[in-house]
Amino acid sequence: MTVYCGVDFHTRQQLIKWCDTQDGEIKEQRLFHDSLDEVRNFYSQFSGEVRVGIEACGYSEWFERMLQDLLTFT
């Protein structure tokens, strides 16, 4: 199963819409960056192939490093 995540990334929060190819249902969640454990827990729930699309912005380097730590990119 592949999970696709689209991330609208802001300085203090992010809005994620995601779906997996198993059921095709689109889900949405807002995460606030003052709780990095919550952000990490959200992304660590996924297994298998995960594709994350994020807009280019200068504040996202910590987020990209966190995803590399959590997820295996192919």
PDB file of N, CA and C in Angstrom:
ATOM      1  N   MET A   1       0.843  -1.170   0.000  1.00  0.00           N
ATOM      2  CA  MET A   1       0.000   0.000   0.000  1.00  0.00           C
ATOM      3  C   MET A   1       0.889   1.234   0.000  1.00  0.00           C
ATOM      4  N   THR A   2       0.606   2.180  -0.873  1.00  0.00           N
ATOM      5  CA  THR A   2       1.314   3.456  -0.910  1.00  0.00           C
ATOM      6  C   THR A   2       0.442   4.524  -0.275  1.00  0.00           C
ATOM      7  N   VAL A   3       1.053   5.351   0.560  1.00  0.00           N
ATOM      8  CA  VAL A   3       0.367   6.483   1.172  1.00  0.00           C
ATOM      9  C   VAL A   3       0.915   7.746   0.528  1.00  0.00           C
ATOM     10  N   TYR A   4       0.009   8.619   0.104  1.00  0.00           N
ATOM     11  CA  TYR A   4       0.383   9.898  -0.483  1.00  0.00           C
ATOM     12  C   TYR A   4      -0.037  11.011   0.469  1.00  0.00           C
ATOM     13  N   CYS A   5       0.921  11.883   0.819  1.00  0.00           N
ATOM     14  CA  CYS A   5       0.663  13.007   1.715  1.00  0.00           C
ATOM     15  C   CYS A   5       0.974  14.310   0.989  1.00  0.00           C
ATOM     16  N   GLY A   6       0.055  15.246   1.045  1.00  0.00           N
ATOM     17  CA  GLY A   6       0.290  16.599   0.569  1.00  0.00           C
ATOM     18  C   GLY A   6       0.334  17.512   1.778  1.00  0.00           C
ATOM     19  N   VAL A   7       1.411  18.276   1.918  1.00  0.00           N
ATOM     20  CA  VAL A   7       1.619  19.079   3.123  1.00  0.00           C
ATOM     21  C   VAL A   7       1.639  20.560   2.768  1.00  0.00           C
ATOM     22  N   ASP A   8       0.702  21.305   3.349  1.00  0.00           N
ATOM     23  CA  ASP A   8       0.703  22.761   3.273  1.00  0.00           C
ATOM     24  C   ASP A   8       1.459  23.232   4.509  1.00  0.00           C
ATOM     25  N   PHE A   9       2.714  23.601   4.314  1.00  0.00           N
ATOM     26  CA  PHE A   9       3.651  23.815   5.419  1.00  0.00           C
ATOM     27  C   PHE A   9       3.760  25.298   5.744  1.00  0.00           C
ATOM     28  N   HIS A  10       3.588  25.628   7.012  1.00  0.00           N
ATOM     29  CA  HIS A  10       3.724  27.001   7.510  1.00  0.00           C
ATOM     30  C   HIS A  10       4.724  26.999   8.665  1.00  0.00           C
ATOM     31  N   THR A  11       5.094  28.169   9.115  1.00  0.00           N
ATOM     32  CA  THR A  11       6.090  28.286  10.171  1.00  0.00           C
ATOM     33  C   THR A  11       5.672  27.565  11.449  1.00  0.00           C
ATOM     34  N   ARG A  12       4.433  27.726  11.861  1.00  0.00           N
ATOM     35  CA  ARG A  12       3.991  27.175  13.149  1.00  0.00           C
ATOM     36  C   ARG A  12       3.066  25.966  13.044  1.00  0.00           C
ATOM     37  N   GLN A  13       2.665  25.632  11.830  1.00  0.00           N
ATOM     38  CA  GLN A  13       1.725  24.519  11.668  1.00  0.00           C
ATOM     39  C   GLN A  13       1.817  23.948  10.268  1.00  0.00           C
ATOM     40  N   GLN A  14       1.159  22.821  10.089  1.00  0.00           N
ATOM     41  CA  GLN A  14       1.038  22.226   8.766  1.00  0.00           C
ATOM     42  C   GLN A  14      -0.325  21.569   8.642  1.00  0.00           C
ATOM     43  N   LEU A  15      -0.865  21.618   7.441  1.00  0.00           N
ATOM     44  CA  LEU A  15      -2.116  20.948   7.129  1.00  0.00           C
ATOM     45  C   LEU A  15      -1.779  19.818   6.174  1.00  0.00           C
ATOM     46  N   ILE A  16      -2.141  18.611   6.555  1.00  0.00           N
ATOM     47  CA  ILE A  16      -1.821  17.430   5.762  1.00  0.00           C
ATOM     48  C   ILE A  16      -3.110  16.831   5.233  1.00  0.00           C
ATOM     49  N   LYS A  17      -3.102  16.515   3.960  1.00  0.00           N
ATOM     50  CA  LYS A  17      -4.153  15.686   3.369  1.00  0.00           C
ATOM     51  C   LYS A  17      -3.453  14.452   2.861  1.00  0.00           C
ATOM     52  N   TRP A  18      -3.990  13.293   3.186  1.00  0.00           N
ATOM     53  CA  TRP A  18      -3.349  12.055   2.766  1.00  0.00           C
ATOM     54  C   TRP A  18      -4.380  11.007   2.411  1.00  0.00           C
ATOM     55  N   CYS A  19      -3.927  10.073   1.597  1.00  0.00           N
ATOM     56  CA  CYS A  19      -4.756   8.918   1.263  1.00  0.00           C
ATOM     57  C   CYS A  19      -3.832   7.739   0.976  1.00  0.00           C
ATOM     58  N   ASP A  20      -4.372   6.568   1.131  1.00  0.00           N
ATOM     59  CA  ASP A  20      -3.608   5.383   0.749  1.00  0.00           C
ATOM     60  C   ASP A  20      -4.307   4.709  -0.418  1.00  0.00           C
ATOM     61  N   THR A  21      -3.553   3.932  -1.153  1.00  0.00           N
ATOM     62  CA  THR A  21      -4.091   3.303  -2.351  1.00  0.00           C
ATOM     63  C   THR A  21      -4.986   2.118  -2.024  1.00  0.00           C
ATOM     64  N   GLN A  22      -5.040   1.730  -0.765  1.00  0.00           N
ATOM     65  CA  GLN A  22      -5.891   0.594  -0.394  1.00  0.00           C
ATOM     66  C   GLN A  22      -7.367   0.972  -0.394  1.00  0.00           C
ATOM     67  N   ASP A  23      -7.701   2.120   0.241  1.00  0.00           N
ATOM     68  CA  ASP A  23      -9.114   2.496   0.289  1.00  0.00           C
ATOM     69  C   ASP A  23      -9.425   3.790  -0.469  1.00  0.00           C
ATOM     70  N   GLY A  24      -8.422   4.584  -0.818  1.00  0.00           N
ATOM     71  CA  GLY A  24      -8.623   5.802  -1.588  1.00  0.00           C
ATOM     72  C   GLY A  24      -9.269   6.943  -0.827  1.00  0.00           C
ATOM     73  N   GLU A  25      -9.577   6.736   0.451  1.00  0.00           N
ATOM     74  CA  GLU A  25     -10.210   7.781   1.247  1.00  0.00           C
ATOM     75  C   GLU A  25      -9.207   8.898   1.545  1.00  0.00           C
ATOM     76  N   ILE A  26      -9.625  10.137   1.363  1.00  0.00           N
ATOM     77  CA  ILE A  26      -8.770  11.292   1.657  1.00  0.00           C
ATOM     78  C   ILE A  26      -9.061  11.767   3.072  1.00  0.00           C
ATOM     79  N   LYS A  27      -7.987  11.908   3.834  1.00  0.00           N
ATOM     80  CA  LYS A  27      -8.102  12.339   5.229  1.00  0.00           C
ATOM     81  C   LYS A  27      -7.333  13.641   5.402  1.00  0.00           C
ATOM     82  N   GLU A  28      -7.646  14.372   6.466  1.00  0.00           N
ATOM     83  CA  GLU A  28      -7.012  15.669   6.695  1.00  0.00           C
ATOM     84  C   GLU A  28      -6.706  15.832   8.180  1.00  0.00           C
ATOM     85  N   GLN A  29      -5.560  16.443   8.453  1.00  0.00           N
ATOM     86  CA  GLN A  29      -5.199  16.743   9.839  1.00  0.00           C
ATOM     87  C   GLN A  29      -4.301  17.958   9.876  1.00  0.00           C
ATOM     88  N   ARG A  30      -4.490  18.791  10.885  1.00  0.00           N
ATOM     89  CA  ARG A  30      -3.640  19.945  11.124  1.00  0.00           C
ATOM     90  C   ARG A  30      -2.738  19.622  12.307  1.00  0.00           C
ATOM     91  N   LEU A  31      -1.454  19.873  12.139  1.00  0.00           N
ATOM     92  CA  LEU A  31      -0.482  19.649  13.204  1.00  0.00           C
ATOM     93  C   LEU A  31       0.219  20.961  13.523  1.00  0.00           C
ATOM     94  N   PHE A  32       0.446  21.198  14.800  1.00  0.00           N
ATOM     95  CA  PHE A  32       1.124  22.411  15.239  1.00  0.00           C
ATOM     96  C   PHE A  32       2.558  22.069  15.625  1.00  0.00           C
ATOM     97  N   HIS A  33       3.478  22.900  15.209  1.00  0.00           N
ATOM     98  CA  HIS A  33       4.899  22.619  15.393  1.00  0.00           C
ATOM     99  C   HIS A  33       5.389  22.837  16.816  1.00  0.00           C
ATOM    100  N   ASP A  34       4.564  23.397  17.697  1.00  0.00           N
ATOM    101  CA  ASP A  34       4.982  23.518  19.089  1.00  0.00           C
ATOM    102  C   ASP A  34       4.924  22.176  19.810  1.00  0.00           C
ATOM    103  N   SER A  35       4.334  21.177  19.163  1.00  0.00           N
ATOM    104  CA  SER A  35       4.307  19.814  19.688  1.00  0.00           C
ATOM    105  C   SER A  35       4.970  18.883  18.671  1.00  0.00           C
ATOM    106  N   LEU A  36       6.299  18.866  18.665  1.00  0.00           N
ATOM    107  CA  LEU A  36       7.018  18.047  17.686  1.00  0.00           C
ATOM    108  C   LEU A  36       6.791  16.562  17.899  1.00  0.00           C
ATOM    109  N   ASP A  37       6.492  16.154  19.126  1.00  0.00           N
ATOM    110  CA  ASP A  37       6.155  14.750  19.367  1.00  0.00           C
ATOM    111  C   ASP A  37       4.887  14.367  18.608  1.00  0.00           C
ATOM    112  N   GLU A  38       3.921  15.264  18.564  1.00  0.00           N
ATOM    113  CA  GLU A  38       2.683  15.001  17.832  1.00  0.00           C
ATOM    114  C   GLU A  38       2.965  14.873  16.330  1.00  0.00           C
ATOM    115  N   VAL A  39       3.832  15.725  15.803  1.00  0.00           N
ATOM    116  CA  VAL A  39       4.198  15.657  14.382  1.00  0.00           C
ATOM    117  C   VAL A  39       4.888  14.334  14.094  1.00  0.00           C
ATOM    118  N   ARG A  40       5.868  13.976  14.929  1.00  0.00           N
ATOM    119  CA  ARG A  40       6.604  12.723  14.747  1.00  0.00           C
ATOM    120  C   ARG A  40       5.660  11.527  14.861  1.00  0.00           C
ATOM    121  N   ASN A  41       4.760  11.537  15.831  1.00  0.00           N
ATOM    122  CA  ASN A  41       3.816  10.424  15.997  1.00  0.00           C
ATOM    123  C   ASN A  41       2.889  10.280  14.793  1.00  0.00           C
ATOM    124  N   PHE A  42       2.461  11.406  14.234  1.00  0.00           N
ATOM    125  CA  PHE A  42       1.590  11.337  13.062  1.00  0.00           C
ATOM    126  C   PHE A  42       2.283  10.607  11.917  1.00  0.00           C
ATOM    127  N   TYR A  43       3.486  11.037  11.572  1.00  0.00           N
ATOM    128  CA  TYR A  43       4.173  10.449  10.421  1.00  0.00           C
ATOM    129  C   TYR A  43       4.685   9.035  10.698  1.00  0.00           C
ATOM    130  N   SER A  44       4.937   8.700  11.944  1.00  0.00           N
ATOM    131  CA  SER A  44       5.436   7.359  12.249  1.00  0.00           C
ATOM    132  C   SER A  44       4.338   6.298  12.181  1.00  0.00           C
ATOM    133  N   GLN A  45       3.076   6.709  12.042  1.00  0.00           N
ATOM    134  CA  GLN A  45       1.981   5.733  11.941  1.00  0.00           C
ATOM    135  C   GLN A  45       1.999   4.977  10.608  1.00  0.00           C
ATOM    136  N   PHE A  46       2.647   5.542   9.600  1.00  0.00           N
ATOM    137  CA  PHE A  46       2.628   4.946   8.273  1.00  0.00           C
ATOM    138  C   PHE A  46       3.731   3.911   8.118  1.00  0.00           C
ATOM    139  N   SER A  47       3.425   2.883   7.343  1.00  0.00           N
ATOM    140  CA  SER A  47       4.434   1.876   7.014  1.00  0.00           C
ATOM    141  C   SER A  47       4.370   1.637   5.512  1.00  0.00           C
ATOM    142  N   GLY A  48       5.379   1.011   4.989  1.00  0.00           N
ATOM    143  CA  GLY A  48       5.420   0.788   3.553  1.00  0.00           C
ATOM    144  C   GLY A  48       5.866   2.046   2.835  1.00  0.00           C
ATOM    145  N   GLU A  49       5.464   2.172   1.584  1.00  0.00           N
ATOM    146  CA  GLU A  49       5.877   3.316   0.777  1.00  0.00           C
ATOM    147  C   GLU A  49       5.030   4.542   1.119  1.00  0.00           C
ATOM    148  N   VAL A  50       5.706   5.627   1.446  1.00  0.00           N
ATOM    149  CA  VAL A  50       5.045   6.890   1.771  1.00  0.00           C
ATOM    150  C   VAL A  50       5.659   7.975   0.899  1.00  0.00           C
ATOM    151  N   ARG A  51       4.824   8.686   0.168  1.00  0.00           N
ATOM    152  CA  ARG A  51       5.267   9.799  -0.676  1.00  0.00           C
ATOM    153  C   ARG A  51       4.738  11.083  -0.062  1.00  0.00           C
ATOM    154  N   VAL A  52       5.658  11.996   0.263  1.00  0.00           N
ATOM    155  CA  VAL A  52       5.282  13.254   0.887  1.00  0.00           C
ATOM    156  C   VAL A  52       5.639  14.386  -0.065  1.00  0.00           C
ATOM    157  N   GLY A  53       4.632  15.170  -0.423  1.00  0.00           N
ATOM    158  CA  GLY A  53       4.843  16.361  -1.237  1.00  0.00           C
ATOM    159  C   GLY A  53       4.713  17.580  -0.352  1.00  0.00           C
ATOM    160  N   ILE A  54       5.708  18.456  -0.428  1.00  0.00           N
ATOM    161  CA  ILE A  54       5.711  19.645   0.417  1.00  0.00           C
ATOM    162  C   ILE A  54       6.125  20.835  -0.432  1.00  0.00           C
ATOM    163  N   GLU A  55       5.514  21.972  -0.155  1.00  0.00           N
ATOM    164  CA  GLU A  55       5.911  23.178  -0.866  1.00  0.00           C
ATOM    165  C   GLU A  55       7.322  23.576  -0.443  1.00  0.00           C
ATOM    166  N   ALA A  56       8.046  24.213  -1.321  1.00  0.00           N
ATOM    167  CA  ALA A  56       9.406  24.656  -1.012  1.00  0.00           C
ATOM    168  C   ALA A  56       9.357  25.880  -0.102  1.00  0.00           C
ATOM    169  N   CYS A  57      10.030  25.791   1.022  1.00  0.00           N
ATOM    170  CA  CYS A  57      10.131  26.937   1.920  1.00  0.00           C
ATOM    171  C   CYS A  57      11.376  26.765   2.787  1.00  0.00           C
ATOM    172  N   GLY A  58      11.895  27.852   3.282  1.00  0.00           N
ATOM    173  CA  GLY A  58      13.150  27.817   4.019  1.00  0.00           C
ATOM    174  C   GLY A  58      13.053  27.227   5.405  1.00  0.00           C
ATOM    175  N   TYR A  59      11.870  27.176   5.984  1.00  0.00           N
ATOM    176  CA  TYR A  59      11.720  26.722   7.359  1.00  0.00           C
ATOM    177  C   TYR A  59      11.549  25.211   7.473  1.00  0.00           C
ATOM    178  N   SER A  60      11.551  24.487   6.383  1.00  0.00           N
ATOM    179  CA  SER A  60      11.172  23.073   6.401  1.00  0.00           C
ATOM    180  C   SER A  60      12.345  22.105   6.594  1.00  0.00           C
ATOM    181  N   GLU A  61      13.557  22.583   6.773  1.00  0.00           N
ATOM    182  CA  GLU A  61      14.698  21.668   6.869  1.00  0.00           C
ATOM    183  C   GLU A  61      14.559  20.682   8.028  1.00  0.00           C
ATOM    184  N   TRP A  62      14.082  21.138   9.197  1.00  0.00           N
ATOM    185  CA  TRP A  62      13.920  20.233  10.338  1.00  0.00           C
ATOM    186  C   TRP A  62      12.906  19.143  10.002  1.00  0.00           C
ATOM    187  N   PHE A  63      11.867  19.515   9.255  1.00  0.00           N
ATOM    188  CA  PHE A  63      10.816  18.575   8.893  1.00  0.00           C
ATOM    189  C   PHE A  63      11.349  17.519   7.926  1.00  0.00           C
ATOM    190  N   GLU A  64      12.134  17.952   6.953  1.00  0.00           N
ATOM    191  CA  GLU A  64      12.723  17.015   5.997  1.00  0.00           C
ATOM    192  C   GLU A  64      13.654  16.031   6.696  1.00  0.00           C
ATOM    193  N   ARG A  65      14.458  16.511   7.638  1.00  0.00           N
ATOM    194  CA  ARG A  65      15.345  15.614   8.403  1.00  0.00           C
ATOM    195  C   ARG A  65      14.539  14.618   9.232  1.00  0.00           C
ATOM    196  N   MET A  66      13.443  15.085   9.842  1.00  0.00           N
ATOM    197  CA  MET A  66      12.617  14.193  10.642  1.00  0.00           C
ATOM    198  C   MET A  66      12.030  13.081   9.768  1.00  0.00           C
ATOM    199  N   LEU A  67      11.540  13.456   8.571  1.00  0.00           N
ATOM    200  CA  LEU A  67      10.985  12.434   7.675  1.00  0.00           C
ATOM    201  C   LEU A  67      12.047  11.426   7.253  1.00  0.00           C
ATOM    202  N   GLN A  68      13.245  11.880   7.005  1.00  0.00           N
ATOM    203  CA  GLN A  68      14.325  10.956   6.636  1.00  0.00           C
ATOM    204  C   GLN A  68      14.610   9.983   7.768  1.00  0.00           C
ATOM    205  N   ASP A  69      14.510  10.458   9.006  1.00  0.00           N
ATOM    206  CA  ASP A  69      14.720   9.581  10.155  1.00  0.00           C
ATOM    207  C   ASP A  69      13.592   8.555  10.303  1.00  0.00           C
ATOM    208  N   LEU A  70      12.373   8.939   9.961  1.00  0.00           N
ATOM    209  CA  LEU A  70      11.211   8.073  10.184  1.00  0.00           C
ATOM    210  C   LEU A  70      10.892   7.152   9.016  1.00  0.00           C
ATOM    211  N   LEU A  71      11.050   7.651   7.819  1.00  0.00           N
ATOM    212  CA  LEU A  71      10.533   6.951   6.657  1.00  0.00           C
ATOM    213  C   LEU A  71      11.671   6.532   5.739  1.00  0.00           C
ATOM    214  N   THR A  72      11.474   5.463   5.018  1.00  0.00           N
ATOM    215  CA  THR A  72      12.435   5.012   4.023  1.00  0.00           C
ATOM    216  C   THR A  72      11.950   5.491   2.669  1.00  0.00           C
ATOM    217  N   PHE A  73      12.770   6.294   2.012  1.00  0.00           N
ATOM    218  CA  PHE A  73      12.411   6.811   0.694  1.00  0.00           C
ATOM    219  C   PHE A  73      12.945   5.878  -0.365  1.00  0.00           C
ATOM    220  N   THR A  74      12.166   5.659  -1.420  1.00  0.00           N
ATOM    221  CA  THR A  74      12.593   4.814  -2.528  1.00  0.00           C
ATOM    222  C   THR A  74      12.629   5.607  -3.795  1.00  0.00           C
TER     223      THR A  74
END
